[in-house]
C-alpha atoms as a PDB file:
ATOM      1  CA  UNK A   1      93.887 135.758  71.668  1.00  0.00           C
ATOM      2  CA  UNK A   2      93.161 137.280  68.287  1.00  0.00           C
ATOM      3  CA  UNK A   3      90.598 135.064  66.493  1.00  0.00           C
ATOM      4  CA  UNK A   4      91.946 136.101  63.069  1.00  0.00           C
ATOM      5  CA  UNK A   5      95.749 136.208  63.206  1.00  0.00           C
ATOM      6  CA  UNK A   6      97.614 137.219  60.090  1.00  0.00           C
ATOM      7  CA  UNK A   7      99.331 134.531  58.100  1.00  0.00           C
ATOM      8  CA  UNK A   8     103.030 134.992  57.353  1.00  0.00           C
ATOM      9  CA  UNK A   9     102.266 136.424  53.902  1.00  0.00           C
ATOM     10  CA  UNK A  10      99.858 138.926  55.446  1.00  0.00           C
ATOM     11  CA  UNK A  11     102.434 139.956  58.050  1.00  0.00           C
ATOM     12  CA  UNK A  12     105.024 140.394  55.326  1.00  0.00           C
ATOM     13  CA  UNK A  13     102.715 142.540  53.189  1.00  0.00           C
ATOM     14  CA  UNK A  14     101.727 144.665  56.169  1.00  0.00           C
ATOM     15  CA  UNK A  15     105.333 145.189  57.265  1.00  0.00           C
ATOM     16  CA  UNK A  16     106.419 146.188  53.770  1.00  0.00           C
ATOM     17  CA  UNK A  17     103.479 148.568  53.396  1.00  0.00           C
ATOM     18  CA  UNK A  18     104.568 150.307  56.601  1.00  0.00           C
ATOM     19  CA  UNK A  19     108.319 150.088  55.814  1.00  0.00           C
ATOM     20  CA  UNK A  20     108.910 153.825  56.234  1.00  0.00           C
ATOM     21  CA  UNK A  21     107.091 153.802  59.562  1.00  0.00           C
ATOM     22  CA  UNK A  22     109.483 151.111  60.817  1.00  0.00           C
ATOM     23  CA  UNK A  23     112.407 153.142  59.467  1.00  0.00           C
ATOM     24  CA  UNK A  24     111.107 156.104  61.470  1.00  0.00           C
ATOM     25  CA  UNK A  25     110.928 153.962  64.618  1.00  0.00           C
ATOM     26  CA  UNK A  26     114.498 152.805  63.940  1.00  0.00           C
ATOM     27  CA  UNK A  27     115.564 156.469  63.733  1.00  0.00           C
ATOM     28  CA  UNK A  28     114.079 156.999  67.221  1.00  0.00           C
ATOM     29  CA  UNK A  29     116.267 154.284  68.756  1.00  0.00           C
ATOM     30  CA  UNK A  30     119.763 155.216  69.913  1.00  0.00           C
ATOM     31  CA  UNK A  31     122.561 154.192  67.569  1.00  0.00           C
ATOM     32  CA  UNK A  32     124.390 152.198  70.234  1.00  0.00           C
ATOM     33  CA  UNK A  33     122.830 148.910  71.241  1.00  0.00           C
ATOM     34  CA  UNK A  34     120.466 148.471  68.303  1.00  0.00           C
ATOM     35  CA  UNK A  35     122.937 147.697  65.515  1.00  0.00           C
ATOM     36  CA  UNK A  36     121.539 144.165  65.142  1.00  0.00           C
ATOM     37  CA  UNK A  37     118.482 145.426  63.266  1.00  0.00           C
ATOM     38  CA  UNK A  38     120.400 145.680  60.004  1.00  0.00           C
ATOM     39  CA  UNK A  39     117.347 144.740  57.935  1.00  0.00           C
ATOM     40  CA  UNK A  40     115.944 148.195  58.603  1.00  0.00           C
ATOM     41  CA  UNK A  41     117.851 151.341  57.815  1.00  0.00           C
ATOM     42  CA  UNK A  42     116.742 154.460  59.703  1.00  0.00           C
ATOM     43  CA  UNK A  43     115.192 157.365  57.835  1.00  0.00           C
ATOM     44  CA  UNK A  44     117.740 160.047  57.079  1.00  0.00           C
ATOM     45  CA  UNK A  45     117.465 163.748  57.893  1.00  0.00           C
ATOM     46  CA  UNK A  46     114.827 163.341  60.590  1.00  0.00           C
ATOM     47  CA  UNK A  47     114.227 166.087  63.131  1.00  0.00           C
ATOM     48  CA  UNK A  48     116.666 165.855  66.075  1.00  0.00           C
ATOM     49  CA  UNK A  49     113.709 165.789  68.458  1.00  0.00           C
ATOM     50  CA  UNK A  50     113.027 162.193  67.401  1.00  0.00           C
ATOM     51  CA  UNK A  51     116.302 161.150  69.015  1.00  0.00           C
ATOM     52  CA  UNK A  52     114.919 162.143  72.413  1.00  0.00           C
ATOM     53  CA  UNK A  53     111.524 160.492  72.123  1.00  0.00           C
ATOM     54  CA  UNK A  54     112.224 158.239  75.128  1.00  0.00           C
ATOM     55  CA  UNK A  55     114.037 160.787  77.276  1.00  0.00           C
ATOM     56  CA  UNK A  56     111.056 161.826  79.434  1.00  0.00           C
ATOM     57  CA  UNK A  57     109.808 160.422  82.729  1.00  0.00           C
ATOM     58  CA  UNK A  58     111.343 158.120  85.269  1.00  0.00           C
ATOM     59  CA  UNK A  59     113.997 155.514  84.530  1.00  0.00           C
ATOM     60  CA  UNK A  60     111.241 152.907  84.387  1.00  0.00           C
ATOM     61  CA  UNK A  61     109.215 154.943  81.868  1.00  0.00           C
ATOM     62  CA  UNK A  62     112.274 155.532  79.672  1.00  0.00           C
ATOM     63  CA  UNK A  63     113.135 151.838  79.733  1.00  0.00           C
ATOM     64  CA  UNK A  64     109.524 150.937  78.891  1.00  0.00           C
ATOM     65  CA  UNK A  65     109.502 153.380  75.968  1.00  0.00           C
ATOM     66  CA  UNK A  66     112.719 151.899  74.545  1.00  0.00           C
ATOM     67  CA  UNK A  67     111.438 148.351  75.034  1.00  0.00           C
ATOM     68  CA  UNK A  68     108.210 149.217  73.206  1.00  0.00           C
ATOM     69  CA  UNK A  69     110.074 150.663  70.220  1.00  0.00           C
ATOM     70  CA  UNK A  70     112.445 147.722  70.138  1.00  0.00           C
ATOM     71  CA  UNK A  71     109.545 145.278  70.292  1.00  0.00           C
ATOM     72  CA  UNK A  72     107.854 146.915  67.305  1.00  0.00           C
ATOM     73  CA  UNK A  73     111.046 146.699  65.271  1.00  0.00           C
ATOM     74  CA  UNK A  74     111.950 143.166  66.337  1.00  0.00           C
ATOM     75  CA  UNK A  75     108.513 141.806  65.482  1.00  0.00           C
ATOM     76  CA  UNK A  76     108.645 142.918  61.836  1.00  0.00           C
ATOM     77  CA  UNK A  77     112.374 143.172  61.101  1.00  0.00           C
ATOM     78  CA  UNK A  78     112.511 139.750  59.451  1.00  0.00           C
ATOM     79  CA  UNK A  79     109.951 140.825  56.839  1.00  0.00           C
ATOM     80  CA  UNK A  80     111.829 143.931  55.792  1.00  0.00           C
END
């Protein structure tokens, strides 16, 4: 357990500071299945390679990659 967790205001400030990073993560997620993260719009004109960021490895590794990206977005989406 983190002995110094961020307060809600700190989480909000941190998420907004890294807004473009979260938009980049959103651009990495496939369009279908992640429409519910409307708070975050994906960056436009990103390299097509970003669309295949989770296309390597076994089915389990691909699923884990997608779950990790989704988790990052879901955790901060409410602040953006």
